[in-house]
Amino acid sequence: MKCHEQNFVQLFLNKSIHYHKFATTMANYSIEQLSNITGFSKLLIRTWENRYKLFVPQRTPTNIRFYDDETLVKALNVSILKDKGYKISKIASLTNKDIEDLVRNVTLNDEVYHLKQLNKVIESALTFNKALFHEVINASLDSYDTLYVYKNILLPALNRIGYLWLTNDILPSQEHFLSELIKQKLYSRIDSVMDDDVQGKEVWLLFLPEGEHHEIGLLVASLILTENNKSVIYLGQSVPLKSLDILKDYFTINKILFFAIAQSSVSRLEKVVSYLDETFSGSEIIPVTRNKDISLKGFKNVKIISTIDEFHSILN
């Protein structure tokens, strides 16, 4: 995995990913889950198992293969060393402690910094380690802007453990632990940069329509807008459309941002846009959806986006 950003600040976070012995709840992972989290293909994992005994799967009483937290954390460390150019045959000859020590001592450069931080965030979720999460994210947010941290650390971490704006059934307790930590961090960050003076600022309305409950993307947008000196009216998740009417009596809203990720939201998208266009005449409406093929040509002030980069370009 290569880094897309340059000129990283060299930080003090050079500890390796290690297995926390105090973690009492162990998760079992299939080879597909191990592949999704680490980025290694299933074929590569099996090849390394057979050729180098790099990973040793365990088996259930019914002979089904699985991997534990310790193996997963080892695989994340292996990904860092492989990204640094170490041959897999060399890595396989090392003990787990040697791998940890080597990761701890690798040069912190542009190519491995965000990978190390990403893996630490994943580890914090696997081991329910709140302190590790805050250590990584505080340092990252203090040194880089929100967009970078979201794109290169938080979003890939959520994606790798099966949570990307929507949840699924992979590792639910760890998914929710991580997503709640991220939300708490974003709320805290928003509060720290918020300016109560709204005079002369562009006003943005942010909400999730009914049926949309996962607000990390919306919180990230709120933080970026606040950092860019915008006034944000944040309503959160599953907001009934008719409850928005009263806002026009209090604010002149310039832009409205909402997410339509769930299939039910996508199917109602035109109805939601039509209601907003009629209620807030003249406001620009910005739906965030993964389906960019939706046609809303009948509305003049609508711009559909699907990526954080497209959202950032609107600000610029």
Protein backbone atom coordinates (compact mmCIF):
# COMPACT_ATOMS: atom_id res chain seq x y z
CA MET A 1 0.00 0.00 0.00
CA LYS A 2 1.50 3.28 -1.09
CA CYS A 3 0.89 6.70 0.39
CA HIS A 4 -0.78 9.36 -1.75
CA GLU A 5 0.27 12.31 0.39
CA GLN A 6 3.74 13.80 0.71
CA ASN A 7 5.75 15.68 3.36
CA PHE A 8 4.60 13.79 6.41
CA VAL A 9 5.62 15.20 9.78
CA GLN A 10 7.73 12.66 11.63
CA LEU A 11 5.84 11.90 14.83
CA PHE A 12 6.65 10.09 18.03
CA LEU A 13 4.22 7.27 17.22
CA ASN A 14 6.72 4.58 16.30
CA LYS A 15 5.53 1.75 18.46
CA SER A 16 4.71 -1.52 16.76
CA ILE A 17 1.31 -3.06 16.67
CA HIS A 18 1.27 -5.60 19.47
CA TYR A 19 -1.24 -8.01 20.91
CA HIS A 20 -2.83 -6.78 24.15
CA LYS A 21 -2.76 -9.59 26.68
CA PHE A 22 -5.51 -7.91 28.67
CA ALA A 23 -8.02 -8.37 25.85
CA THR A 24 -10.41 -10.98 27.18
CA THR A 25 -12.78 -11.28 24.23
CA MET A 26 -11.29 -13.14 21.32
CA ALA A 27 -12.80 -12.98 17.87
CA ASN A 28 -12.54 -15.68 15.25
CA TYR A 29 -11.92 -14.71 11.63
CA SER A 30 -12.43 -16.65 8.44
CA ILE A 31 -9.78 -16.46 5.74
CA GLU A 32 -12.08 -14.11 3.80
CA GLN A 33 -12.32 -11.76 6.78
CA LEU A 34 -8.54 -11.92 7.29
CA SER A 35 -8.10 -11.06 3.62
CA ASN A 36 -10.52 -8.12 3.78
CA ILE A 37 -8.90 -6.63 6.88
CA THR A 38 -5.25 -7.04 5.88
CA GLY A 39 -5.54 -6.50 2.13
CA PHE A 40 -3.76 -9.80 1.39
CA SER A 41 -5.55 -12.08 -1.06
CA LYS A 42 -6.82 -15.44 0.17
CA LEU A 43 -4.47 -17.19 -2.28
CA LEU A 44 -1.50 -15.27 -0.89
CA ILE A 45 -2.45 -16.12 2.70
CA ARG A 46 -2.73 -19.82 1.89
CA THR A 47 0.54 -19.75 -0.06
CA TRP A 48 2.37 -18.17 2.88
CA GLU A 49 0.81 -20.69 5.24
CA ASN A 50 1.86 -23.68 3.16
CA ARG A 51 5.29 -22.43 2.13
CA TYR A 52 6.47 -20.52 5.19
CA LYS A 53 4.05 -21.40 8.02
CA LEU A 54 3.68 -17.64 8.41
CA PHE A 55 0.10 -17.89 9.71
CA VAL A 56 -1.16 -20.98 11.51
CA PRO A 57 -4.94 -21.27 11.43
CA GLN A 58 -6.80 -22.92 14.26
CA ARG A 59 -9.75 -25.24 13.87
CA THR A 60 -13.14 -25.53 15.47
CA PRO A 61 -14.38 -28.90 16.85
CA THR A 62 -16.08 -29.35 13.48
CA ASN A 63 -12.72 -28.79 11.68
CA ILE A 64 -13.49 -25.31 10.30
CA ARG A 65 -10.39 -23.13 9.93
CA PHE A 66 -10.24 -19.76 11.72
CA TYR A 67 -7.75 -17.11 12.83
CA ASP A 68 -7.62 -15.27 16.15
CA ASP A 69 -6.87 -11.65 17.09
CA GLU A 70 -3.18 -12.35 17.63
CA THR A 71 -2.80 -13.76 14.12
CA LEU A 72 -4.65 -10.81 12.64
CA VAL A 73 -2.44 -8.28 14.43
CA LYS A 74 0.63 -10.22 13.25
CA ALA A 75 -0.70 -10.03 9.68
CA LEU A 76 -1.11 -6.26 9.99
CA ASN A 77 2.50 -5.99 11.13
CA VAL A 78 3.57 -8.15 8.20
CA SER A 79 1.82 -5.72 5.84
CA ILE A 80 3.99 -2.87 7.17
CA LEU A 81 7.23 -4.81 6.71
CA LYS A 82 6.21 -6.01 3.26
CA ASP A 83 5.40 -2.41 2.30
CA LYS A 84 8.89 -1.48 3.45
CA GLY A 85 10.42 -4.00 1.04
CA TYR A 86 11.18 -6.92 3.37
CA LYS A 87 10.98 -10.32 1.66
CA ILE A 88 8.27 -12.58 2.98
CA SER A 89 10.78 -15.40 3.45
CA LYS A 90 12.76 -13.16 5.82
CA ILE A 91 9.64 -12.09 7.73
CA ALA A 92 8.51 -15.70 8.10
CA SER A 93 11.82 -16.63 9.77
CA LEU A 94 11.19 -14.14 12.59
CA THR A 95 9.34 -14.68 15.84
CA ASN A 96 6.28 -12.61 16.59
CA LYS A 97 8.35 -10.52 19.00
CA ASP A 98 11.05 -9.99 16.36
CA ILE A 99 8.37 -8.81 13.92
CA GLU A 100 7.01 -6.38 16.51
CA ASP A 101 10.50 -5.06 17.26
CA LEU A 102 11.27 -4.63 13.58
CA VAL A 103 8.03 -2.74 12.95
CA ARG A 104 8.81 -0.55 15.97
CA ASN A 105 12.17 0.37 14.51
CA VAL A 106 11.39 0.83 10.82
CA THR A 107 12.02 4.31 9.50
CA LEU A 108 8.90 6.41 9.70
CA ASN A 109 8.59 7.80 6.19
CA ASP A 110 5.90 8.89 3.80
CA GLU A 111 5.22 5.37 2.56
CA VAL A 112 4.55 3.69 5.89
CA TYR A 113 3.30 6.40 8.24
CA HIS A 114 -0.38 6.29 7.40
CA LEU A 115 -0.30 2.48 7.12
CA LYS A 116 1.06 2.24 10.66
CA GLN A 117 -1.63 4.60 11.94
CA LEU A 118 -4.34 2.75 10.03
CA ASN A 119 -3.24 -0.57 11.50
CA LYS A 120 -3.16 0.88 15.01
CA VAL A 121 -6.75 2.05 14.62
CA ILE A 122 -7.74 -1.46 13.49
CA GLU A 123 -5.90 -2.93 16.45
CA SER A 124 -7.69 -0.58 18.83
CA ALA A 125 -11.01 -1.96 17.55
CA LEU A 126 -9.91 -5.60 17.71
CA THR A 127 -8.69 -5.29 21.31
CA PHE A 128 -11.20 -2.69 22.55
CA ASN A 129 -8.30 -0.40 23.39
CA LYS A 130 -9.68 3.12 23.77
CA ALA A 131 -6.33 4.61 24.85
CA LEU A 132 -4.57 3.39 21.71
CA PHE A 133 -7.31 4.85 19.50
CA HIS A 134 -7.10 8.29 21.13
CA GLU A 135 -3.29 8.26 21.00
CA VAL A 136 -3.28 7.65 17.24
CA ILE A 137 -6.12 9.96 16.25
CA ASN A 138 -5.10 12.86 18.50
CA ALA A 139 -1.60 12.83 17.05
CA SER A 140 -2.90 12.54 13.49
CA LEU A 141 -5.48 15.33 13.82
CA ASP A 142 -2.94 17.59 15.48
CA SER A 143 -0.57 17.18 12.55
CA TYR A 144 -2.80 16.71 9.50
CA ASP A 145 -6.12 18.10 8.34
CA THR A 146 -9.39 16.28 8.87
CA LEU A 147 -9.70 15.27 5.22
CA TYR A 148 -6.35 13.48 5.24
CA VAL A 149 -7.05 11.62 8.49
CA TYR A 150 -10.51 10.59 7.32
CA LYS A 151 -9.38 9.39 3.88
CA ASN A 152 -6.16 7.64 4.86
CA ILE A 153 -6.81 6.34 8.37
CA LEU A 154 -10.43 6.34 9.56
CA LEU A 155 -12.25 5.40 6.37
CA PRO A 156 -9.87 2.56 5.41
CA ALA A 157 -10.02 1.24 9.00
CA LEU A 158 -13.81 1.19 8.94
CA ASN A 159 -13.81 -0.33 5.49
CA ARG A 160 -11.42 -3.10 6.46
CA ILE A 161 -13.49 -4.30 9.36
CA GLY A 162 -16.69 -4.18 7.38
CA TYR A 163 -18.18 -0.80 8.25
CA LEU A 164 -18.53 1.93 5.63
CA TRP A 165 -21.46 4.27 6.41
CA LEU A 166 -23.51 1.08 6.68
CA THR A 167 -22.97 -1.82 9.06
CA ASN A 168 -22.99 -5.47 8.18
CA ASP A 169 -22.64 -8.65 10.19
CA ILE A 170 -18.82 -8.82 10.35
CA LEU A 171 -17.45 -8.41 13.90
CA PRO A 172 -20.39 -6.29 15.15
CA SER A 173 -19.04 -5.50 18.63
CA GLN A 174 -15.69 -4.34 17.26
CA GLU A 175 -17.34 -2.38 14.46
CA HIS A 176 -19.59 -0.52 16.86
CA PHE A 177 -16.80 0.06 19.38
CA LEU A 178 -14.69 1.73 16.70
CA SER A 179 -17.52 3.69 15.09
CA GLU A 180 -18.66 5.07 18.46
CA LEU A 181 -15.09 6.12 19.32
CA ILE A 182 -14.82 7.89 15.97
CA LYS A 183 -18.12 9.70 16.52
CA GLN A 184 -17.05 10.82 19.99
CA LYS A 185 -13.76 12.11 18.60
CA LEU A 186 -15.50 14.01 15.80
CA TYR A 187 -18.02 15.59 18.19
CA SER A 188 -15.18 16.68 20.46
CA ARG A 189 -13.20 18.09 17.56
CA ILE A 190 -16.21 19.99 16.21
CA ASP A 191 -16.81 21.50 19.63
CA SER A 192 -13.18 22.61 19.90
CA VAL A 193 -13.20 24.52 16.59
CA MET A 194 -16.76 25.84 16.63
CA ASP A 195 -17.28 29.60 16.55
CA ASP A 196 -20.68 30.76 17.81
CA ASP A 197 -20.49 33.93 15.72
CA VAL A 198 -22.52 33.13 12.57
CA GLN A 199 -22.59 36.67 11.21
CA GLY A 200 -21.80 36.73 7.49
CA LYS A 201 -21.08 32.98 7.28
CA GLU A 202 -22.45 30.63 4.65
CA VAL A 203 -25.11 28.44 6.31
CA TRP A 204 -25.17 24.67 5.69
CA LEU A 205 -27.95 22.32 6.80
CA LEU A 206 -26.77 18.75 7.44
CA PHE A 207 -29.06 15.81 8.21
CA LEU A 208 -29.79 12.17 7.46
CA PRO A 209 -33.27 11.32 6.12
CA GLU A 210 -35.49 8.77 7.86
CA GLY A 211 -33.94 5.31 7.69
CA GLU A 212 -30.35 6.60 7.64
CA HIS A 213 -28.65 5.99 10.99
CA HIS A 214 -24.88 5.94 10.39
CA GLU A 215 -23.62 9.47 10.66
CA ILE A 216 -19.82 9.28 10.58
CA GLY A 217 -19.67 10.70 7.06
CA LEU A 218 -22.06 13.49 8.04
CA LEU A 219 -19.97 14.32 11.13
CA VAL A 220 -16.81 14.48 9.03
CA ALA A 221 -18.56 16.90 6.67
CA SER A 222 -19.66 18.99 9.65
CA LEU A 223 -16.12 19.18 11.00
CA ILE A 224 -14.61 20.13 7.64
CA LEU A 225 -17.27 22.82 7.14
CA THR A 226 -16.70 24.21 10.62
CA GLU A 227 -12.95 24.29 10.04
CA ASN A 228 -13.67 26.21 6.82
CA ASN A 229 -15.59 28.93 8.66
CA LYS A 230 -19.08 27.78 7.65
CA SER A 231 -22.11 27.91 9.93
CA VAL A 232 -23.50 24.38 10.32
CA ILE A 233 -27.00 23.40 11.39
CA TYR A 234 -26.50 19.74 12.31
CA LEU A 235 -29.64 17.64 12.83
CA GLY A 236 -28.15 14.13 12.87
CA GLN A 237 -29.78 10.85 11.90
CA SER A 238 -33.21 9.76 10.68
CA VAL A 239 -34.81 13.21 10.49
CA PRO A 240 -38.46 13.40 9.27
CA LEU A 241 -38.67 15.75 6.29
CA LYS A 242 -41.67 17.69 7.58
CA SER A 243 -39.75 18.63 10.72
CA LEU A 244 -37.41 20.74 8.56
CA ASP A 245 -40.07 23.29 7.63
CA ILE A 246 -39.59 25.43 10.72
CA LEU A 247 -35.91 26.07 9.92
CA LYS A 248 -36.75 28.48 7.12
CA ASP A 249 -38.31 30.80 9.73
CA TYR A 250 -34.98 31.11 11.51
CA PHE A 251 -32.25 30.77 8.89
CA THR A 252 -31.39 31.62 5.32
CA ILE A 253 -29.88 28.30 4.31
CA ASN A 254 -27.34 28.38 1.50
CA LYS A 255 -26.61 24.67 1.08
CA ILE A 256 -28.24 21.43 2.22
CA LEU A 257 -26.16 18.23 2.54
CA PHE A 258 -27.67 14.82 3.27
CA PHE A 259 -26.75 11.18 2.73
CA ALA A 260 -28.78 8.65 0.75
CA ILE A 261 -26.84 5.41 1.20
CA ALA A 262 -29.44 2.85 2.28
CA GLN A 263 -31.49 1.41 -0.57
CA SER A 264 -34.68 2.81 0.93
CA SER A 265 -33.13 6.30 0.90
CA VAL A 266 -31.97 5.94 -2.70
CA SER A 267 -35.46 4.94 -3.80
CA ARG A 268 -36.90 8.06 -2.11
CA LEU A 269 -34.15 10.40 -3.27
CA GLU A 270 -36.19 12.29 -5.86
CA LYS A 271 -39.01 12.77 -3.35
CA VAL A 272 -36.58 14.15 -0.73
CA VAL A 273 -34.93 16.50 -3.21
CA SER A 274 -38.30 17.72 -4.47
CA TYR A 275 -39.42 18.50 -0.93
CA LEU A 276 -36.19 20.35 -0.08
CA ASP A 277 -36.28 22.29 -3.35
CA GLU A 278 -39.81 23.46 -2.67
CA THR A 279 -39.29 24.19 1.04
CA PHE A 280 -35.91 25.93 0.74
CA SER A 281 -36.22 27.68 -2.59
CA GLY A 282 -32.85 28.88 -3.86
CA SER A 283 -30.76 26.65 -1.58
CA GLU A 284 -28.22 24.36 -3.23
CA ILE A 285 -29.02 20.70 -2.49
CA ILE A 286 -26.15 18.21 -2.23
CA PRO A 287 -27.14 14.54 -1.86
CA VAL A 288 -24.32 12.10 -1.08
CA THR A 289 -25.01 8.72 -2.65
CA ARG A 290 -23.05 5.85 -4.10
CA ASN A 291 -25.31 5.68 -7.17
CA LYS A 292 -24.13 8.49 -9.44
CA ASP A 293 -26.36 7.30 -12.29
CA ILE A 294 -29.45 8.75 -10.65
CA SER A 295 -30.95 11.48 -12.82
CA LEU A 296 -32.22 14.61 -11.10
CA LYS A 297 -32.05 16.86 -14.15
CA GLY A 298 -35.40 18.41 -13.37
CA PHE A 299 -33.84 20.33 -10.48
CA LYS A 300 -31.53 23.28 -11.11
CA ASN A 301 -29.84 23.54 -7.73
CA VAL A 302 -28.88 19.91 -7.15
CA LYS A 303 -25.35 18.48 -7.24
CA ILE A 304 -24.97 14.76 -6.50
CA ILE A 305 -21.62 13.69 -5.03
CA SER A 306 -20.26 10.31 -3.97
CA THR A 307 -16.76 10.97 -2.60
CA ILE A 308 -15.16 13.10 0.07
CA ASP A 309 -12.97 14.69 -2.62
CA GLU A 310 -16.03 15.91 -4.51
CA PHE A 311 -17.35 17.41 -1.30
CA HIS A 312 -14.04 19.13 -0.62
CA SER A 313 -13.97 20.54 -4.15
CA ILE A 314 -17.27 22.30 -3.48
CA LEU A 315 -15.62 24.18 -0.63
CA ASN A 316 -12.73 25.22 -2.84
